[in-house]
Protein backbone atom coordinates (compact mmCIF):
# COMPACT_ATOMS: atom_id res chain seq x y z
CA UNK A 1 32.48 60.90 170.76
CA UNK A 2 32.18 64.47 170.20
CA UNK A 3 30.45 66.58 167.42
CA UNK A 4 34.12 67.65 166.76
CA UNK A 5 36.14 64.63 167.33
CA UNK A 6 38.31 63.24 164.45
CA UNK A 7 36.54 59.85 165.31
CA UNK A 8 33.32 61.13 164.49
CA UNK A 9 34.89 62.59 160.98
CA UNK A 10 36.99 59.42 160.25
CA UNK A 11 33.34 57.42 160.77
CA UNK A 12 31.88 59.50 158.31
CA UNK A 13 34.21 59.63 155.31
CA UNK A 14 34.60 55.78 155.54
CA UNK A 15 30.59 55.44 156.17
CA UNK A 16 30.50 57.68 153.03
CA UNK A 17 32.92 55.89 150.54
CA UNK A 18 31.51 52.38 151.24
CA UNK A 19 27.85 53.53 150.52
CA UNK A 20 29.65 55.10 147.10
CA UNK A 21 31.69 51.96 146.29
CA UNK A 22 27.97 49.64 147.53
CA UNK A 23 26.02 51.50 144.89
CA UNK A 24 28.25 51.06 142.08
CA UNK A 25 28.85 47.09 142.94
CA UNK A 26 24.98 46.58 142.97
CA UNK A 27 23.63 48.88 140.25
CA UNK A 28 23.48 45.94 137.68
CA UNK A 29 21.51 44.30 140.07
CA UNK A 30 18.77 47.22 140.58
CA UNK A 31 18.69 48.25 136.76
CA UNK A 32 15.65 45.99 136.61
CA UNK A 33 11.95 48.30 136.44
CA UNK A 34 10.27 46.40 139.40
CA UNK A 35 9.46 48.04 142.37
CA UNK A 36 11.81 47.03 144.51
CA UNK A 37 14.49 47.49 141.99
CA UNK A 38 13.62 51.10 142.12
CA UNK A 39 13.34 51.21 145.52
CA UNK A 40 16.23 49.49 146.03
CA UNK A 41 17.88 52.54 143.78
CA UNK A 42 16.31 55.67 145.29
CA UNK A 43 17.15 53.78 148.84
CA UNK A 44 21.16 53.58 147.89
CA UNK A 45 21.57 57.03 146.25
CA UNK A 46 19.65 58.59 149.02
CA UNK A 47 21.92 56.62 151.97
CA UNK A 48 24.88 57.73 149.53
CA UNK A 49 24.00 61.73 149.24
CA UNK A 50 23.07 62.00 152.68
CA UNK A 51 26.80 60.54 153.91
CA UNK A 52 28.49 62.52 151.82
CA UNK A 53 26.38 65.52 152.77
CA UNK A 54 27.11 64.54 156.36
CA UNK A 55 31.02 63.83 155.96
CA UNK A 56 31.52 67.59 153.54
CA UNK A 57 29.48 69.52 156.72
CA UNK A 58 31.40 67.36 159.42
CA UNK A 59 34.98 68.54 157.65
CA UNK A 60 33.41 72.42 157.34
CA UNK A 61 32.19 72.55 161.19
CA UNK A 62 36.07 70.72 161.89
CA UNK A 63 37.53 73.93 160.17
CA UNK A 64 35.01 76.54 161.05
CA UNK A 65 33.58 75.32 164.21
CA UNK A 66 30.15 76.65 163.74
CA UNK A 67 29.39 74.38 166.58
CA UNK A 68 31.15 72.97 169.34
CA UNK A 69 28.68 69.81 170.54
CA UNK A 70 25.93 67.92 169.82
CA UNK A 71 23.32 69.81 171.99
CA UNK A 72 24.30 73.07 169.76
CA UNK A 73 24.29 71.83 166.79
CA UNK A 74 20.69 70.53 167.49
CA UNK A 75 19.54 73.68 169.77
CA UNK A 76 20.13 71.82 172.95
CA UNK A 77 22.81 74.10 174.22
CA UNK A 78 20.52 76.98 174.15
CA UNK A 79 19.07 76.01 178.24
CA UNK A 80 22.36 74.95 179.12
CA UNK A 81 23.92 78.41 178.17
CA UNK A 82 22.30 80.27 181.14
CA UNK A 83 22.04 80.22 184.38
CA UNK A 84 19.73 82.30 186.23
CA UNK A 85 20.03 83.75 189.62
CA UNK A 86 23.17 81.72 190.45
CA UNK A 87 25.65 83.67 192.49
CA UNK A 88 29.10 82.62 194.29
CA UNK A 89 28.91 81.81 197.96
CA UNK A 90 30.74 84.70 198.57
CA UNK A 91 28.13 86.86 197.07
CA UNK A 92 30.00 87.50 193.94
CA UNK A 93 28.28 87.53 190.43
CA UNK A 94 30.66 84.69 188.90
CA UNK A 95 30.01 80.81 190.10
CA UNK A 96 33.24 78.71 188.58
CA UNK A 97 31.44 75.55 186.94
CA UNK A 98 34.09 73.66 185.14
CA UNK A 99 37.75 73.61 185.25
CA UNK A 100 39.71 72.44 182.30
CA UNK A 101 43.63 72.19 181.61
CA UNK A 102 44.61 75.19 178.75
CA UNK A 103 45.03 73.64 175.65
CA UNK A 104 49.13 73.86 175.27
CA UNK A 105 52.02 72.08 175.28
CA UNK A 106 54.07 70.67 178.27
CA UNK A 107 52.86 70.44 181.69
CA UNK A 108 49.25 69.84 182.96
CA UNK A 109 50.23 71.75 186.49
CA UNK A 110 48.36 75.61 186.10
CA UNK A 111 51.56 77.03 187.05
CA UNK A 112 53.06 75.69 183.91
CA UNK A 113 50.41 75.88 181.12
CA UNK A 114 47.92 77.98 182.75
CA UNK A 115 44.37 77.08 183.28
CA UNK A 116 40.29 77.62 181.69
CA UNK A 117 37.46 77.88 183.99
CA UNK A 118 33.68 77.63 181.89
CA UNK A 119 32.34 80.59 184.68
CA UNK A 120 28.36 81.17 184.86
CA UNK A 121 27.97 85.69 185.09
CA UNK A 122 25.26 87.20 186.73
CA UNK A 123 24.31 90.49 184.82
CA UNK A 124 23.49 92.96 188.20
CA UNK A 125 22.51 95.74 185.81
CA UNK A 126 21.49 94.15 182.91
CA UNK A 127 19.49 91.39 184.49
CA UNK A 128 21.19 88.85 182.00
CA UNK A 129 22.74 85.25 183.25
CA UNK A 130 25.59 83.78 180.57
CA UNK A 131 28.27 81.13 180.85
CA UNK A 132 31.86 82.49 179.62
CA UNK A 133 35.54 80.99 179.74
CA UNK A 134 38.20 82.49 181.39
CA UNK A 135 41.51 81.74 180.38
CA UNK A 136 43.95 81.93 183.55
CA UNK A 137 48.18 82.42 182.72
CA UNK A 138 50.07 80.11 184.53
CA UNK A 139 51.73 83.14 186.45
CA UNK A 140 48.11 83.51 188.24
CA UNK A 141 49.04 80.49 190.20
CA UNK A 142 52.88 81.11 190.54
CA UNK A 143 53.84 81.99 194.25
CA UNK A 144 56.02 85.24 193.21
CA UNK A 145 52.85 86.48 191.65
CA UNK A 146 50.19 85.21 194.56
CA UNK A 147 49.18 88.97 195.46
CA UNK A 148 49.84 89.93 191.28
CA UNK A 149 46.80 91.14 189.80
CA UNK A 150 46.49 90.99 185.86
CA UNK A 151 45.19 93.44 182.79
CA UNK A 152 42.14 91.79 180.92
CA UNK A 153 40.41 91.07 177.46
CA UNK A 154 37.33 90.71 176.94
CA UNK A 155 36.96 88.29 173.79
CA UNK A 156 34.01 88.28 171.53
CA UNK A 157 32.86 85.33 168.78
CA UNK A 158 30.95 86.58 165.64
CA UNK A 159 27.11 85.41 165.37
CA UNK A 160 25.79 82.42 165.67
CA UNK A 161 29.60 81.24 167.13
CA UNK A 162 29.46 79.21 170.48
CA UNK A 163 32.35 80.46 172.98
CA UNK A 164 34.27 76.87 172.27
CA UNK A 165 35.09 78.13 169.15
CA UNK A 166 37.60 80.50 170.33
CA UNK A 167 39.45 77.75 172.52
CA UNK A 168 39.64 75.08 169.79
CA UNK A 169 39.17 77.24 166.71
CA UNK A 170 40.59 80.90 166.91
CA UNK A 171 43.09 79.23 169.89
CA UNK A 172 43.42 82.26 172.03
CA UNK A 173 44.18 80.66 175.04
CA UNK A 174 47.63 78.83 173.52
CA UNK A 175 48.08 81.91 171.57
CA UNK A 176 48.57 83.86 174.54
CA UNK A 177 50.52 81.12 176.58
CA UNK A 178 52.96 81.38 173.20
CA UNK A 179 53.66 84.65 173.27
CA UNK A 180 54.30 85.28 176.83
CA UNK A 181 56.40 82.89 177.16
CA UNK A 182 58.41 84.52 174.09
CA UNK A 183 58.19 87.73 176.04
CA UNK A 184 55.98 89.22 173.23
CA UNK A 185 53.44 90.19 175.18
CA UNK A 186 52.46 90.41 179.05
CA UNK A 187 50.65 87.60 181.15
CA UNK A 188 46.44 88.14 180.15
CA UNK A 189 43.50 86.63 181.87
CA UNK A 190 41.16 86.31 178.62
CA UNK A 191 36.75 86.20 179.19
CA UNK A 192 35.75 84.40 176.23
CA UNK A 193 31.94 84.17 175.20
CA UNK A 194 29.76 85.08 172.79
CA UNK A 195 27.65 88.18 172.00
CA UNK A 196 24.96 86.16 171.67
CA UNK A 197 23.50 86.44 175.33
CA UNK A 198 19.70 86.06 174.63
CA UNK A 199 19.65 83.04 171.66
CA UNK A 200 19.09 82.61 169.16
CA UNK A 201 18.42 86.40 168.84
CA UNK A 202 21.49 88.31 167.19
CA UNK A 203 20.96 91.56 169.79
CA UNK A 204 24.13 93.43 167.86
CA UNK A 205 25.51 94.51 171.45
CA UNK A 206 22.79 96.46 171.54
CA UNK A 207 20.69 98.08 174.48
CA UNK A 208 17.01 97.09 173.03
CA UNK A 209 14.56 99.07 174.25
CA UNK A 210 12.24 96.70 176.37
CA UNK A 211 14.62 93.56 175.48
CA UNK A 212 18.11 92.49 176.35
CA UNK A 213 20.22 94.93 177.33
CA UNK A 214 23.16 93.14 175.82
CA UNK A 215 25.51 96.23 176.14
CA UNK A 216 25.36 96.82 179.39
CA UNK A 217 26.16 93.00 180.22
CA UNK A 218 29.60 92.78 178.00
CA UNK A 219 30.79 96.47 178.57
CA UNK A 220 29.73 96.53 182.44
CA UNK A 221 28.45 93.32 184.49
CA UNK A 222 31.04 91.05 182.59
CA UNK A 223 34.42 93.22 183.76
CA UNK A 224 32.73 94.18 187.40
CA UNK A 225 31.92 90.21 187.84
CA UNK A 226 34.97 89.24 186.92
CA UNK A 227 37.59 92.03 188.76
CA UNK A 228 35.25 90.57 191.60
CA UNK A 229 35.95 87.05 191.73
CA UNK A 230 39.86 87.24 190.32
CA UNK A 231 42.96 89.09 190.41
CA UNK A 232 42.45 91.61 187.54
CA UNK A 233 43.31 94.87 187.96
CA UNK A 234 39.86 96.97 187.69
CA UNK A 235 40.98 100.54 186.26
CA UNK A 236 40.46 101.22 182.17
CA UNK A 237 43.75 100.68 181.39
CA UNK A 238 43.89 97.07 182.40
CA UNK A 239 40.89 95.99 179.89
CA UNK A 240 40.62 95.57 176.01
CA UNK A 241 38.04 93.95 174.10
CA UNK A 242 38.54 91.70 171.08
CA UNK A 243 36.30 90.00 168.83
CA UNK A 244 35.76 88.99 165.36
CA UNK A 245 32.76 89.48 162.45
CA UNK A 246 29.69 90.18 164.79
CA UNK A 247 32.34 90.08 168.01
CA UNK A 248 34.35 92.45 166.11
CA UNK A 249 31.64 95.25 165.47
CA UNK A 250 30.71 94.86 169.19
CA UNK A 251 34.15 95.41 170.35
CA UNK A 252 35.16 98.17 168.84
CA UNK A 253 31.53 99.99 169.43
CA UNK A 254 32.18 98.76 173.29
CA UNK A 255 35.41 100.55 173.60
CA UNK A 256 34.28 103.63 171.68
CA UNK A 257 31.24 103.92 174.11
CA UNK A 258 32.88 103.19 177.40
CA UNK A 259 36.44 104.42 177.31
CA UNK A 260 35.52 104.49 181.01
CA UNK A 261 36.13 100.88 181.48
CA UNK A 262 37.90 99.73 177.88
CA UNK A 263 41.25 101.35 176.95
CA UNK A 264 41.76 99.29 173.90
CA UNK A 265 39.19 97.98 171.44
CA UNK A 266 40.10 95.27 168.82
CA UNK A 267 37.89 94.42 165.59
CA UNK A 268 38.60 91.76 163.59
CA UNK A 269 36.83 91.51 159.81
CA UNK A 270 34.63 93.76 161.84
CA UNK A 271 31.52 95.59 160.17
CA UNK A 272 30.75 98.76 161.62
CA UNK A 273 27.12 99.32 161.49
CA UNK A 274 24.64 97.42 163.47
CA UNK A 275 22.40 94.65 161.48
CA UNK A 276 19.00 94.27 161.26
CA UNK A 277 17.44 91.85 159.12
CA UNK A 278 14.94 88.64 160.42
CA UNK A 279 17.80 87.50 162.56
CA UNK A 280 17.88 90.54 164.90
CA UNK A 281 14.25 91.32 164.92
CA UNK A 282 13.47 95.41 165.81
CA UNK A 283 16.28 96.63 167.74
CA UNK A 284 15.83 99.87 168.19
CA UNK A 285 11.50 100.10 168.47
CA UNK A 286 11.90 103.08 166.25
CA UNK A 287 14.26 104.97 168.02
CA UNK A 288 16.88 106.45 165.22
CA UNK A 289 18.86 107.68 168.05
CA UNK A 290 19.74 104.82 169.35
CA UNK A 291 20.06 103.26 165.84
CA UNK A 292 22.64 106.60 165.02
CA UNK A 293 24.73 105.42 168.20
CA UNK A 294 25.09 102.00 167.06
CA UNK A 295 26.42 103.03 163.57
CA UNK A 296 30.42 103.41 164.29
CA UNK A 297 31.13 105.66 161.47
CA UNK A 298 28.23 108.12 162.61
CA UNK A 299 29.39 108.17 165.56
CA UNK A 300 32.95 109.00 165.05
CA UNK A 301 31.40 112.10 163.19
CA UNK A 302 28.66 113.14 165.72
CA UNK A 303 29.79 112.31 169.44
CA UNK A 304 33.02 113.14 171.15
CA UNK A 305 36.19 110.44 171.00
CA UNK A 306 37.37 109.31 174.17
CA UNK A 307 40.99 107.87 175.21
CA UNK A 308 40.89 104.83 173.21
CA UNK A 309 43.31 102.54 171.06
CA UNK A 310 41.83 100.65 168.52
CA UNK A 311 43.02 98.11 166.01
CA UNK A 312 40.57 97.32 162.86
CA UNK A 313 41.50 94.63 160.43
CA UNK A 314 40.74 93.61 157.12
CA UNK A 315 42.27 92.33 153.47
CA UNK A 316 42.30 94.05 150.19
CA UNK A 317 41.10 90.61 148.60
CA UNK A 318 38.47 88.55 149.90
CA UNK A 319 36.91 91.11 152.77
CA UNK A 320 33.93 93.24 151.81
CA UNK A 321 34.38 95.22 154.55
CA UNK A 322 37.75 96.85 153.26
CA UNK A 323 36.62 100.14 152.01
CA UNK A 324 34.41 101.14 155.67
CA UNK A 325 37.65 100.04 157.11
CA UNK A 326 39.36 102.41 155.23
CA UNK A 327 36.44 105.20 156.10
CA UNK A 328 37.04 104.28 159.81
CA UNK A 329 40.69 104.83 159.98
CA UNK A 330 40.06 108.12 158.08
CA UNK A 331 37.54 109.33 160.90
CA UNK A 332 39.46 108.24 164.08
CA UNK A 333 40.54 111.31 165.70
CA UNK A 334 42.29 112.39 168.72
CA UNK A 335 42.44 111.66 172.18
CA UNK A 336 41.38 108.30 170.30
CA UNK A 337 43.77 106.25 168.23
CA UNK A 338 43.40 103.93 165.41
CA UNK A 339 45.71 100.95 163.91
CA UNK A 340 45.02 98.87 161.50
CA UNK A 341 45.77 95.20 160.02
CA UNK A 342 45.23 94.88 156.25
CA UNK A 343 46.53 91.74 154.61
CA UNK A 344 46.68 91.53 150.71
CA UNK A 345 44.44 88.81 151.18
CA UNK A 346 42.23 86.39 153.24
CA UNK A 347 38.62 85.77 153.35
CA UNK A 348 36.10 85.94 156.29
CA UNK A 349 36.53 83.01 158.03
CA UNK A 350 39.28 81.49 161.16
CA UNK A 351 42.17 80.50 158.83
CA UNK A 352 42.61 84.46 158.31
CA UNK A 353 41.65 85.60 162.00
CA UNK A 354 44.31 83.17 163.30
CA UNK A 355 46.91 85.18 160.71
CA UNK A 356 45.46 88.47 162.95
CA UNK A 357 45.18 87.36 166.42
CA UNK A 358 49.17 87.06 167.23
CA UNK A 359 49.64 90.67 166.12
CA UNK A 360 46.39 92.38 167.70
CA UNK A 361 47.35 90.15 171.19
CA UNK A 362 51.08 91.64 171.14
CA UNK A 363 49.48 94.93 170.33
CA UNK A 364 46.75 94.91 172.87
CA UNK A 365 49.25 94.13 175.11
CA UNK A 366 51.35 96.91 174.55
CA UNK A 367 48.30 99.42 175.56
CA UNK A 368 47.28 97.99 178.41
CA UNK A 369 48.54 98.38 181.82
CA UNK A 370 51.29 95.80 183.16
CA UNK A 371 50.72 92.86 186.00
């Protein structure tokens, strides 16, 4: 049974309840001051507290999807998340590792529901190899579209999220399928991955001097490799990037700094300056110019703004980024354009982002060249 299985959660809750009842039932019998009785009380209390903690942790993980698998929870997912030196037989830099049905209602045929492929991307410029999930819409498999190329979006999680969060927790494929079916957005290819390409380090999507070239991987290697492997329109007007939290900061930065590749960037609950803490290590190696360029508010004031459409989100109650978001909006100048979603209330969590993703996808779709 998987970590996110409802059976695992139900078993944990039942075990916690049983141990609680057992503790109440046996406590009078263990009230003596003998070593055996004391050990019994300690054992019951310990077992009960551990079971309650496990049940609460599983409930939280079901909601926020901090970890997608047991391997991810115990740190075993790091090695599986990177494939070194793997290239497709045709010389392209994408290897399909697994294929699964898109989590949408209706038929399980790709031409009706679409398809999700787990891929390994080999970054030629960055030297980084990482996994991602590609959502292909139903139209990709329909005969009338067999020669058609589609717009695409890179979709990024926060830190230390896993790519599965984008499928199971934030429901990107399901949402895109529903919106396209309702003719609210055009069919799009989604390339879903986490920005943590050198786990467990949080690289903040920076090309670290002497370290991982994360920005190059996400901004250049990923769209190039995907464009070679799939029917994607390989022009800036056909590529967007969207993310939440750390992924939102990365999405905005990548769109702002690479208008030659991305014409649209969406930051859901984004922050606007690279974090520097024990999880990041020394990102800039004393290079203040690199540090400044990773500050989006500084960049808007001091660097040319490209022909990029940006969307930022926050809420008046529950988000800490509201003031910086308003400052960001005020600094965007032509030829860049900025839009916003400001909710009355909403904390920094999956529930808030699920409220923002549908309008964000519709907005993004309207600014990308069509299939």
